[in-house]
């Protein structure tokens, strides 16, 4: 059975040499195999979570520790250390991986394109058709009058003057009540932010985004992320900022290679944990390559 469409994914992509990443290696050395196992568990859990973020209250920590079969204190130490070295980020009572979210941007954009195409097809399906073919009315092209007039004459008699047609149209012309975008049906409903709210949050977090473009874009699509109604606009702002940073060209570099991106400080990086790369370096050839500070070139993992 196909799963419901949510703002998550079936699997997470990662480099084949993830265990050799400098930050992952540090995590492994400090916490041994337990640290690496918890890191992989977290990636799987984040991938299956809404907006690729996990709530991180004390209760959530206990539930995660029970799921991963590790003591709560050890789980906190691992997550805090991963946050300190940049593998994870913590914000607004949630934990997430900025690098992981960035890798799902193409997936979310593809879902949005499919949703828009489906909406266009649905709207087109409502247009056209013969207005005389209404539920509860016989097909005029298969009727014959009592005087055996032919089908064409019978069909011609059913026109806009036909009271049945007018009555049917009058019933169908009743306006459909729609809930305005951002209007709360109850206290737990999503409330769309204003441009000023988005601008204030972006300035608070140091994001370089256009708040008017953000609000206009999501207003036009009904404040949806993929096929799903938006639940947390601040999380969407963070994803939006990550996408903008990933698409920012490197000053003085030829181009970005496989798995490369620009982090929040404008530094060219690659891999799951964001290993830095000199801006003048050539593009990364593949996921199997790592940057060697010794040879000052891309080396392939053996």
C-alpha atoms as a PDB file:
ATOM      1  CA  UNK A   1       0.000   0.000   0.000  1.00  0.00           C
ATOM      2  CA  UNK A   2       1.375   3.416  -0.927  1.00  0.00           C
ATOM      3  CA  UNK A   3       2.176   5.663   2.003  1.00  0.00           C
ATOM      4  CA  UNK A   4       0.494   9.029   2.444  1.00  0.00           C
ATOM      5  CA  UNK A   5       2.282  11.985   0.880  1.00  0.00           C
ATOM      6  CA  UNK A   6       3.976  13.969   3.635  1.00  0.00           C
ATOM      7  CA  UNK A   7       6.836  16.415   3.904  1.00  0.00           C
ATOM      8  CA  UNK A   8       9.265  13.549   4.500  1.00  0.00           C
ATOM      9  CA  UNK A   9      11.005  10.901   2.371  1.00  0.00           C
ATOM     10  CA  UNK A  10      11.393   7.152   1.907  1.00  0.00           C
ATOM     11  CA  UNK A  11      15.172   7.182   2.327  1.00  0.00           C
ATOM     12  CA  UNK A  12      18.038   9.609   2.928  1.00  0.00           C
ATOM     13  CA  UNK A  13      20.984  10.027   0.524  1.00  0.00           C
ATOM     14  CA  UNK A  14      24.477  10.125   1.984  1.00  0.00           C
ATOM     15  CA  UNK A  15      28.056   9.859   0.778  1.00  0.00           C
ATOM     16  CA  UNK A  16      29.578   6.401   0.508  1.00  0.00           C
ATOM     17  CA  UNK A  17      32.482   7.630   2.665  1.00  0.00           C
ATOM     18  CA  UNK A  18      30.284   9.249   5.340  1.00  0.00           C
ATOM     19  CA  UNK A  19      32.108   7.327   8.080  1.00  0.00           C
ATOM     20  CA  UNK A  20      35.376   9.016   7.003  1.00  0.00           C
ATOM     21  CA  UNK A  21      33.992  12.554   7.161  1.00  0.00           C
ATOM     22  CA  UNK A  22      36.109  14.592   9.549  1.00  0.00           C
ATOM     23  CA  UNK A  23      33.170  15.440  11.842  1.00  0.00           C
ATOM     24  CA  UNK A  24      31.713  11.933  11.744  1.00  0.00           C
ATOM     25  CA  UNK A  25      35.169  10.574  12.499  1.00  0.00           C
ATOM     26  CA  UNK A  26      35.373  12.864  15.535  1.00  0.00           C
ATOM     27  CA  UNK A  27      31.971  11.574  16.681  1.00  0.00           C
ATOM     28  CA  UNK A  28      33.118   7.971  16.252  1.00  0.00           C
ATOM     29  CA  UNK A  29      36.344   8.525  18.167  1.00  0.00           C
ATOM     30  CA  UNK A  30      34.538  10.165  21.074  1.00  0.00           C
ATOM     31  CA  UNK A  31      31.598   7.754  21.356  1.00  0.00           C
ATOM     32  CA  UNK A  32      32.855   4.713  19.427  1.00  0.00           C
ATOM     33  CA  UNK A  33      30.342   2.620  17.475  1.00  0.00           C
ATOM     34  CA  UNK A  34      27.483   3.839  19.679  1.00  0.00           C
ATOM     35  CA  UNK A  35      27.989   7.405  18.472  1.00  0.00           C
ATOM     36  CA  UNK A  36      27.958   6.377  14.812  1.00  0.00           C
ATOM     37  CA  UNK A  37      24.895   4.168  15.341  1.00  0.00           C
ATOM     38  CA  UNK A  38      22.978   7.002  17.038  1.00  0.00           C
ATOM     39  CA  UNK A  39      23.988   9.372  14.203  1.00  0.00           C
ATOM     40  CA  UNK A  40      22.578   6.946  11.596  1.00  0.00           C
ATOM     41  CA  UNK A  41      19.443   6.390  13.710  1.00  0.00           C
ATOM     42  CA  UNK A  42      18.921  10.159  13.851  1.00  0.00           C
ATOM     43  CA  UNK A  43      19.281  10.523  10.076  1.00  0.00           C
ATOM     44  CA  UNK A  44      16.648   7.830   9.556  1.00  0.00           C
ATOM     45  CA  UNK A  45      14.290   9.396  12.113  1.00  0.00           C
ATOM     46  CA  UNK A  46      14.742  12.896  10.670  1.00  0.00           C
ATOM     47  CA  UNK A  47      14.080  11.583   7.157  1.00  0.00           C
ATOM     48  CA  UNK A  48      10.745  10.136   8.301  1.00  0.00           C
ATOM     49  CA  UNK A  49       9.736  13.282  10.245  1.00  0.00           C
ATOM     50  CA  UNK A  50       7.600  16.247   9.173  1.00  0.00           C
ATOM     51  CA  UNK A  51       9.824  19.042   7.783  1.00  0.00           C
ATOM     52  CA  UNK A  52      12.822  16.777   8.566  1.00  0.00           C
ATOM     53  CA  UNK A  53      12.883  18.083  12.162  1.00  0.00           C
ATOM     54  CA  UNK A  54      12.471  16.352  15.523  1.00  0.00           C
ATOM     55  CA  UNK A  55      10.976  17.845  18.700  1.00  0.00           C
ATOM     56  CA  UNK A  56      13.612  17.728  21.420  1.00  0.00           C
ATOM     57  CA  UNK A  57      11.884  18.076  24.777  1.00  0.00           C
ATOM     58  CA  UNK A  58      12.855  15.929  27.770  1.00  0.00           C
ATOM     59  CA  UNK A  59      10.049  13.498  26.981  1.00  0.00           C
ATOM     60  CA  UNK A  60      11.176  13.275  23.337  1.00  0.00           C
ATOM     61  CA  UNK A  61      14.736  12.569  24.502  1.00  0.00           C
ATOM     62  CA  UNK A  62      13.505   9.683  26.638  1.00  0.00           C
ATOM     63  CA  UNK A  63      11.469   8.260  23.752  1.00  0.00           C
ATOM     64  CA  UNK A  64      14.422   8.498  21.345  1.00  0.00           C
ATOM     65  CA  UNK A  65      16.756   6.890  23.881  1.00  0.00           C
ATOM     66  CA  UNK A  66      14.330   4.006  24.331  1.00  0.00           C
ATOM     67  CA  UNK A  67      14.015   3.614  20.547  1.00  0.00           C
ATOM     68  CA  UNK A  68      17.802   3.672  20.018  1.00  0.00           C
ATOM     69  CA  UNK A  69      18.451   1.443  23.065  1.00  0.00           C
ATOM     70  CA  UNK A  70      20.908   3.849  24.711  1.00  0.00           C
ATOM     71  CA  UNK A  71      20.802   5.667  28.069  1.00  0.00           C
ATOM     72  CA  UNK A  72      19.167   9.098  27.967  1.00  0.00           C
ATOM     73  CA  UNK A  73      22.313  10.782  29.335  1.00  0.00           C
ATOM     74  CA  UNK A  74      24.465   9.246  26.602  1.00  0.00           C
ATOM     75  CA  UNK A  75      21.968  10.249  23.905  1.00  0.00           C
ATOM     76  CA  UNK A  76      22.065  13.863  25.125  1.00  0.00           C
ATOM     77  CA  UNK A  77      25.865  13.864  25.142  1.00  0.00           C
ATOM     78  CA  UNK A  78      26.000  12.530  21.584  1.00  0.00           C
ATOM     79  CA  UNK A  79      23.432  15.007  20.245  1.00  0.00           C
ATOM     80  CA  UNK A  80      25.008  17.945  22.083  1.00  0.00           C
ATOM     81  CA  UNK A  81      28.447  17.045  20.741  1.00  0.00           C
ATOM     82  CA  UNK A  82      27.075  16.583  17.198  1.00  0.00           C
ATOM     83  CA  UNK A  83      25.474  20.018  17.501  1.00  0.00           C
ATOM     84  CA  UNK A  84      28.717  21.597  18.737  1.00  0.00           C
ATOM     85  CA  UNK A  85      30.749  20.284  15.781  1.00  0.00           C
ATOM     86  CA  UNK A  86      28.037  21.169  13.238  1.00  0.00           C
ATOM     87  CA  UNK A  87      26.564  17.785  12.361  1.00  0.00           C
ATOM     88  CA  UNK A  88      23.216  18.806  13.882  1.00  0.00           C
ATOM     89  CA  UNK A  89      21.439  22.081  14.603  1.00  0.00           C
ATOM     90  CA  UNK A  90      19.059  22.862  17.495  1.00  0.00           C
ATOM     91  CA  UNK A  91      16.489  25.631  17.305  1.00  0.00           C
ATOM     92  CA  UNK A  92      13.031  26.439  18.723  1.00  0.00           C
ATOM     93  CA  UNK A  93      12.983  23.208  20.745  1.00  0.00           C
ATOM     94  CA  UNK A  94      13.770  21.067  17.702  1.00  0.00           C
ATOM     95  CA  UNK A  95      16.822  19.267  16.354  1.00  0.00           C
ATOM     96  CA  UNK A  96      17.604  18.924  12.642  1.00  0.00           C
ATOM     97  CA  UNK A  97      20.417  18.601  10.111  1.00  0.00           C
ATOM     98  CA  UNK A  98      20.750  21.549   7.749  1.00  0.00           C
ATOM     99  CA  UNK A  99      22.825  19.430   5.328  1.00  0.00           C
ATOM    100  CA  UNK A 100      20.157  16.684   5.279  1.00  0.00           C
ATOM    101  CA  UNK A 101      17.325  19.189   4.638  1.00  0.00           C
ATOM    102  CA  UNK A 102      19.287  20.679   1.763  1.00  0.00           C
ATOM    103  CA  UNK A 103      19.484  17.282   0.057  1.00  0.00           C
ATOM    104  CA  UNK A 104      15.684  16.978   0.039  1.00  0.00           C
ATOM    105  CA  UNK A 105      15.060  20.317  -1.708  1.00  0.00           C
ATOM    106  CA  UNK A 106      14.817  18.647  -5.193  1.00  0.00           C
ATOM    107  CA  UNK A 107      12.321  16.110  -3.769  1.00  0.00           C
ATOM    108  CA  UNK A 108      10.058  18.821  -2.318  1.00  0.00           C
ATOM    109  CA  UNK A 109      10.238  20.887  -5.510  1.00  0.00           C
ATOM    110  CA  UNK A 110       9.310  17.830  -7.618  1.00  0.00           C
ATOM    111  CA  UNK A 111       6.326  17.126  -5.335  1.00  0.00           C
ATOM    112  CA  UNK A 112       5.167  20.725  -5.695  1.00  0.00           C
ATOM    113  CA  UNK A 113       5.380  20.516  -9.502  1.00  0.00           C
ATOM    114  CA  UNK A 114       3.312  17.304  -9.490  1.00  0.00           C
ATOM    115  CA  UNK A 115       0.745  18.905  -7.181  1.00  0.00           C
ATOM    116  CA  UNK A 116       0.434  21.934  -9.445  1.00  0.00           C
ATOM    117  CA  UNK A 117       0.021  19.738 -12.539  1.00  0.00           C
ATOM    118  CA  UNK A 118      -2.649  17.683 -10.771  1.00  0.00           C
ATOM    119  CA  UNK A 119      -4.477  20.860  -9.732  1.00  0.00           C
ATOM    120  CA  UNK A 120      -4.384  22.173 -13.314  1.00  0.00           C
ATOM    121  CA  UNK A 121      -5.749  18.873 -14.631  1.00  0.00           C
ATOM    122  CA  UNK A 122      -8.474  18.886 -11.986  1.00  0.00           C
ATOM    123  CA  UNK A 123      -9.509  22.435 -12.855  1.00  0.00           C
ATOM    124  CA  UNK A 124      -9.513  21.642 -16.578  1.00  0.00           C
ATOM    125  CA  UNK A 125     -11.726  18.641 -15.910  1.00  0.00           C
ATOM    126  CA  UNK A 126     -14.371  20.939 -14.407  1.00  0.00           C
ATOM    127  CA  UNK A 127     -14.568  23.030 -17.567  1.00  0.00           C
ATOM    128  CA  UNK A 128     -16.391  22.137 -20.778  1.00  0.00           C
ATOM    129  CA  UNK A 129     -19.074  19.490 -21.238  1.00  0.00           C
ATOM    130  CA  UNK A 130     -22.669  19.851 -22.339  1.00  0.00           C
ATOM    131  CA  UNK A 131     -24.663  21.834 -19.711  1.00  0.00           C
ATOM    132  CA  UNK A 132     -27.779  19.786 -20.560  1.00  0.00           C
ATOM    133  CA  UNK A 133     -26.137  16.614 -19.281  1.00  0.00           C
ATOM    134  CA  UNK A 134     -27.055  17.059 -15.648  1.00  0.00           C
ATOM    135  CA  UNK A 135     -27.544  14.522 -12.952  1.00  0.00           C
ATOM    136  CA  UNK A 136     -31.145  13.371 -12.945  1.00  0.00           C
ATOM    137  CA  UNK A 137     -31.840  14.476 -16.557  1.00  0.00           C
ATOM    138  CA  UNK A 138     -32.054  12.115 -19.506  1.00  0.00           C
ATOM    139  CA  UNK A 139     -29.574  12.434 -22.359  1.00  0.00           C
ATOM    140  CA  UNK A 140     -31.373  14.494 -25.040  1.00  0.00           C
ATOM    141  CA  UNK A 141     -29.567  12.755 -27.868  1.00  0.00           C
ATOM    142  CA  UNK A 142     -31.188   9.453 -26.939  1.00  0.00           C
ATOM    143  CA  UNK A 143     -34.741  10.765 -26.495  1.00  0.00           C
ATOM    144  CA  UNK A 144     -37.654  10.690 -28.914  1.00  0.00           C
ATOM    145  CA  UNK A 145     -40.822  12.734 -28.633  1.00  0.00           C
ATOM    146  CA  UNK A 146     -44.309  11.244 -28.639  1.00  0.00           C
ATOM    147  CA  UNK A 147     -44.695  12.294 -32.260  1.00  0.00           C
ATOM    148  CA  UNK A 148     -41.552  10.338 -33.190  1.00  0.00           C
ATOM    149  CA  UNK A 149     -39.536  13.435 -34.022  1.00  0.00           C
ATOM    150  CA  UNK A 150     -35.955  12.599 -34.715  1.00  0.00           C
ATOM    151  CA  UNK A 151     -33.162  12.834 -32.178  1.00  0.00           C
ATOM    152  CA  UNK A 152     -31.766  16.059 -33.577  1.00  0.00           C
ATOM    153  CA  UNK A 153     -35.063  17.948 -33.199  1.00  0.00           C
ATOM    154  CA  UNK A 154     -35.450  16.729 -29.633  1.00  0.00           C
ATOM    155  CA  UNK A 155     -31.951  17.827 -28.767  1.00  0.00           C
ATOM    156  CA  UNK A 156     -32.538  21.243 -30.291  1.00  0.00           C
ATOM    157  CA  UNK A 157     -35.554  21.767 -28.037  1.00  0.00           C
ATOM    158  CA  UNK A 158     -33.366  21.522 -24.935  1.00  0.00           C
ATOM    159  CA  UNK A 159     -31.703  24.921 -24.927  1.00  0.00           C
ATOM    160  CA  UNK A 160     -31.004  27.725 -22.491  1.00  0.00           C
ATOM    161  CA  UNK A 161     -34.774  28.358 -22.455  1.00  0.00           C
ATOM    162  CA  UNK A 162     -35.408  24.918 -21.021  1.00  0.00           C
ATOM    163  CA  UNK A 163     -36.573  25.495 -17.414  1.00  0.00           C
ATOM    164  CA  UNK A 164     -34.852  22.313 -16.272  1.00  0.00           C
ATOM    165  CA  UNK A 165     -31.531  23.632 -17.450  1.00  0.00           C
ATOM    166  CA  UNK A 166     -32.109  27.028 -15.834  1.00  0.00           C
ATOM    167  CA  UNK A 167     -33.190  25.432 -12.576  1.00  0.00           C
ATOM    168  CA  UNK A 168     -30.151  23.171 -12.573  1.00  0.00           C
ATOM    169  CA  UNK A 169     -27.829  26.096 -13.237  1.00  0.00           C
ATOM    170  CA  UNK A 170     -29.473  28.161 -10.520  1.00  0.00           C
ATOM    171  CA  UNK A 171     -28.823  25.397  -8.026  1.00  0.00           C
ATOM    172  CA  UNK A 172     -25.222  25.016  -9.101  1.00  0.00           C
ATOM    173  CA  UNK A 173     -24.534  28.733  -8.999  1.00  0.00           C
ATOM    174  CA  UNK A 174     -24.594  28.847  -5.222  1.00  0.00           C
ATOM    175  CA  UNK A 175     -21.280  30.229  -3.994  1.00  0.00           C
ATOM    176  CA  UNK A 176     -18.927  27.761  -2.377  1.00  0.00           C
ATOM    177  CA  UNK A 177     -17.690  28.956   0.954  1.00  0.00           C
ATOM    178  CA  UNK A 178     -13.945  28.702   1.273  1.00  0.00           C
ATOM    179  CA  UNK A 179     -11.837  29.360   4.293  1.00  0.00           C
ATOM    180  CA  UNK A 180      -9.526  32.321   3.521  1.00  0.00           C
ATOM    181  CA  UNK A 181      -5.832  31.533   3.506  1.00  0.00           C
ATOM    182  CA  UNK A 182      -4.389  31.797   6.975  1.00  0.00           C
ATOM    183  CA  UNK A 183      -7.792  31.979   8.748  1.00  0.00           C
ATOM    184  CA  UNK A 184      -7.952  29.891  11.892  1.00  0.00           C
ATOM    185  CA  UNK A 185     -10.779  27.404  12.276  1.00  0.00           C
ATOM    186  CA  UNK A 186      -9.643  26.727  15.792  1.00  0.00           C
ATOM    187  CA  UNK A 187      -6.738  27.552  18.045  1.00  0.00           C
ATOM    188  CA  UNK A 188      -4.513  24.772  16.663  1.00  0.00           C
ATOM    189  CA  UNK A 189      -4.765  25.872  13.017  1.00  0.00           C
ATOM    190  CA  UNK A 190      -1.834  27.322  11.084  1.00  0.00           C
ATOM    191  CA  UNK A 191      -1.695  31.121  10.869  1.00  0.00           C
ATOM    192  CA  UNK A 192       0.076  32.625   7.858  1.00  0.00           C
ATOM    193  CA  UNK A 193       2.797  35.155   8.777  1.00  0.00           C
ATOM    194  CA  UNK A 194       3.025  38.723   7.546  1.00  0.00           C
ATOM    195  CA  UNK A 195       5.960  40.101   5.577  1.00  0.00           C
ATOM    196  CA  UNK A 196       7.141  41.930   8.693  1.00  0.00           C
ATOM    197  CA  UNK A 197       7.056  38.728  10.764  1.00  0.00           C
ATOM    198  CA  UNK A 198       9.095  36.850   8.161  1.00  0.00           C
ATOM    199  CA  UNK A 199      11.552  39.757   7.880  1.00  0.00           C
ATOM    200  CA  UNK A 200      11.976  39.932  11.675  1.00  0.00           C
ATOM    201  CA  UNK A 201      12.582  36.178  11.959  1.00  0.00           C
ATOM    202  CA  UNK A 202      15.077  36.205   9.063  1.00  0.00           C
ATOM    203  CA  UNK A 203      16.981  39.111  10.624  1.00  0.00           C
ATOM    204  CA  UNK A 204      16.982  37.361  14.008  1.00  0.00           C
ATOM    205  CA  UNK A 205      18.525  34.216  12.480  1.00  0.00           C
ATOM    206  CA  UNK A 206      20.815  36.049  10.067  1.00  0.00           C
ATOM    207  CA  UNK A 207      19.113  34.712   6.915  1.00  0.00           C
ATOM    208  CA  UNK A 208      19.503  36.669   3.664  1.00  0.00           C
ATOM    209  CA  UNK A 209      16.094  36.067   2.092  1.00  0.00           C
ATOM    210  CA  UNK A 210      13.457  38.246   0.434  1.00  0.00           C
ATOM    211  CA  UNK A 211      10.489  38.142   2.883  1.00  0.00           C
ATOM    212  CA  UNK A 212       8.070  39.607   0.302  1.00  0.00           C
ATOM    213  CA  UNK A 213       9.003  36.920  -2.233  1.00  0.00           C
ATOM    214  CA  UNK A 214       8.587  34.246   0.459  1.00  0.00           C
ATOM    215  CA  UNK A 215       5.098  35.454   1.466  1.00  0.00           C
ATOM    216  CA  UNK A 216       3.968  36.005  -2.160  1.00  0.00           C
ATOM    217  CA  UNK A 217       5.126  32.521  -3.190  1.00  0.00           C
ATOM    218  CA  UNK A 218       3.359  30.643  -0.408  1.00  0.00           C
ATOM    219  CA  UNK A 219       0.267  32.847  -0.576  1.00  0.00           C
ATOM    220  CA  UNK A 220      -0.098  31.908  -4.252  1.00  0.00           C
ATOM    221  CA  UNK A 221       0.049  28.163  -3.498  1.00  0.00           C
ATOM    222  CA  UNK A 222      -2.219  28.278  -0.441  1.00  0.00           C
ATOM    223  CA  UNK A 223       0.604  27.991   2.109  1.00  0.00           C
ATOM    224  CA  UNK A 224       1.463  24.411   1.237  1.00  0.00           C
ATOM    225  CA  UNK A 225       4.774  22.556   1.362  1.00  0.00           C
ATOM    226  CA  UNK A 226       4.625  19.961  -1.371  1.00  0.00           C
ATOM    227  CA  UNK A 227       1.101  18.528  -1.148  1.00  0.00           C
ATOM    228  CA  UNK A 228       0.693  19.222   2.541  1.00  0.00           C
ATOM    229  CA  UNK A 229      -0.609  22.280   4.398  1.00  0.00           C
ATOM    230  CA  UNK A 230       2.211  24.204   6.065  1.00  0.00           C
ATOM    231  CA  UNK A 231       2.440  23.627   9.813  1.00  0.00           C
ATOM    232  CA  UNK A 232       5.462  25.702  10.832  1.00  0.00           C
ATOM    233  CA  UNK A 233       6.387  28.691   8.654  1.00  0.00           C
ATOM    234  CA  UNK A 234       9.603  29.272  10.596  1.00  0.00           C
ATOM    235  CA  UNK A 235      10.835  25.793   9.629  1.00  0.00           C
ATOM    236  CA  UNK A 236       9.958  26.592   6.015  1.00  0.00           C
ATOM    237  CA  UNK A 237      11.965  29.830   6.246  1.00  0.00           C
ATOM    238  CA  UNK A 238      14.976  27.824   7.413  1.00  0.00           C
ATOM    239  CA  UNK A 239      14.608  25.407   4.492  1.00  0.00           C
ATOM    240  CA  UNK A 240      14.144  28.349   2.114  1.00  0.00           C
ATOM    241  CA  UNK A 241      17.356  29.956   3.422  1.00  0.00           C
ATOM    242  CA  UNK A 242      19.235  26.649   3.085  1.00  0.00           C
ATOM    243  CA  UNK A 243      18.111  26.380  -0.535  1.00  0.00           C
ATOM    244  CA  UNK A 244      19.247  29.925  -1.283  1.00  0.00           C
ATOM    245  CA  UNK A 245      22.654  29.248   0.249  1.00  0.00           C
ATOM    246  CA  UNK A 246      22.975  26.011  -1.729  1.00  0.00           C
ATOM    247  CA  UNK A 247      22.281  27.893  -4.963  1.00  0.00           C
ATOM    248  CA  UNK A 248      24.696  30.783  -4.213  1.00  0.00           C
ATOM    249  CA  UNK A 249      27.739  30.661  -6.559  1.00  0.00           C
ATOM    250  CA  UNK A 250      31.209  30.456  -5.057  1.00  0.00           C
ATOM    251  CA  UNK A 251      33.180  33.692  -5.490  1.00  0.00           C
ATOM    252  CA  UNK A 252      36.282  32.984  -7.559  1.00  0.00           C
ATOM    253  CA  UNK A 253      35.504  29.267  -7.999  1.00  0.00           C
ATOM    254  CA  UNK A 254      34.858  27.584 -11.327  1.00  0.00           C
ATOM    255  CA  UNK A 255      31.652  25.850 -10.199  1.00  0.00           C
ATOM    256  CA  UNK A 256      30.295  23.538  -7.521  1.00  0.00           C
ATOM    257  CA  UNK A 257      30.952  19.826  -7.843  1.00  0.00           C
ATOM    258  CA  UNK A 258      29.089  16.733  -6.675  1.00  0.00           C
ATOM    259  CA  UNK A 259      27.737  17.158  -3.131  1.00  0.00           C
ATOM    260  CA  UNK A 260      29.145  20.693  -2.718  1.00  0.00           C
ATOM    261  CA  UNK A 261      27.252  23.649  -1.269  1.00  0.00           C
ATOM    262  CA  UNK A 262      27.695  26.999   0.447  1.00  0.00           C
ATOM    263  CA  UNK A 263      27.089  27.018   4.208  1.00  0.00           C
ATOM    264  CA  UNK A 264      25.469  29.770   6.274  1.00  0.00           C
ATOM    265  CA  UNK A 265      28.820  31.593   6.596  1.00  0.00           C
ATOM    266  CA  UNK A 266      29.401  31.641   2.829  1.00  0.00           C
ATOM    267  CA  UNK A 267      32.096  28.942   2.990  1.00  0.00           C
ATOM    268  CA  UNK A 268      32.325  26.354   0.230  1.00  0.00           C
ATOM    269  CA  UNK A 269      31.818  22.883   1.725  1.00  0.00           C
ATOM    270  CA  UNK A 270      30.919  19.315   0.784  1.00  0.00           C
ATOM    271  CA  UNK A 271      29.623  16.095   2.314  1.00  0.00           C
ATOM    272  CA  UNK A 272      27.051  15.393   5.002  1.00  0.00           C
ATOM    273  CA  UNK A 273      28.879  17.379   7.689  1.00  0.00           C
ATOM    274  CA  UNK A 274      30.074  20.267   5.530  1.00  0.00           C
ATOM    275  CA  UNK A 275      33.830  19.716   5.104  1.00  0.00           C
ATOM    276  CA  UNK A 276      35.394  23.049   3.931  1.00  0.00           C
ATOM    277  CA  UNK A 277      36.977  23.375   0.479  1.00  0.00           C
ATOM    278  CA  UNK A 278      39.188  26.232  -0.823  1.00  0.00           C
ATOM    279  CA  UNK A 279      37.149  28.498  -3.154  1.00  0.00           C
ATOM    280  CA  UNK A 280      39.744  28.135  -5.910  1.00  0.00           C
ATOM    281  CA  UNK A 281      39.561  24.301  -5.890  1.00  0.00           C
ATOM    282  CA  UNK A 282      38.160  22.547  -8.984  1.00  0.00           C
ATOM    283  CA  UNK A 283      34.659  20.978  -8.767  1.00  0.00           C
ATOM    284  CA  UNK A 284      34.365  17.769  -6.785  1.00  0.00           C
ATOM    285  CA  UNK A 285      34.358  14.887  -9.335  1.00  0.00           C
ATOM    286  CA  UNK A 286      32.107  12.444  -7.427  1.00  0.00           C
ATOM    287  CA  UNK A 287      30.801  11.345  -4.017  1.00  0.00           C
ATOM    288  CA  UNK A 288      33.824   9.051  -3.720  1.00  0.00           C
ATOM    289  CA  UNK A 289      36.294  11.979  -3.691  1.00  0.00           C
ATOM    290  CA  UNK A 290      37.548  13.947  -0.662  1.00  0.00           C
ATOM    291  CA  UNK A 291      39.655  17.103  -0.465  1.00  0.00           C
ATOM    292  CA  UNK A 292      43.229  16.475   0.696  1.00  0.00           C
ATOM    293  CA  UNK A 293      44.924  19.339   2.513  1.00  0.00           C
ATOM    294  CA  UNK A 294      48.236  17.573   1.951  1.00  0.00           C
ATOM    295  CA  UNK A 295      48.108  17.315  -1.842  1.00  0.00           C
ATOM    296  CA  UNK A 296      45.740  20.273  -2.311  1.00  0.00           C
ATOM    297  CA  UNK A 297      43.557  18.280  -4.700  1.00  0.00           C
ATOM    298  CA  UNK A 298      40.620  15.872  -4.801  1.00  0.00           C
ATOM    299  CA  UNK A 299      41.627  12.311  -3.850  1.00  0.00           C
ATOM    300  CA  UNK A 300      39.482   9.242  -4.463  1.00  0.00           C
ATOM    301  CA  UNK A 301      38.597   6.972  -1.541  1.00  0.00           C
ATOM    302  CA  UNK A 302      40.121   3.547  -1.960  1.00  0.00           C
END
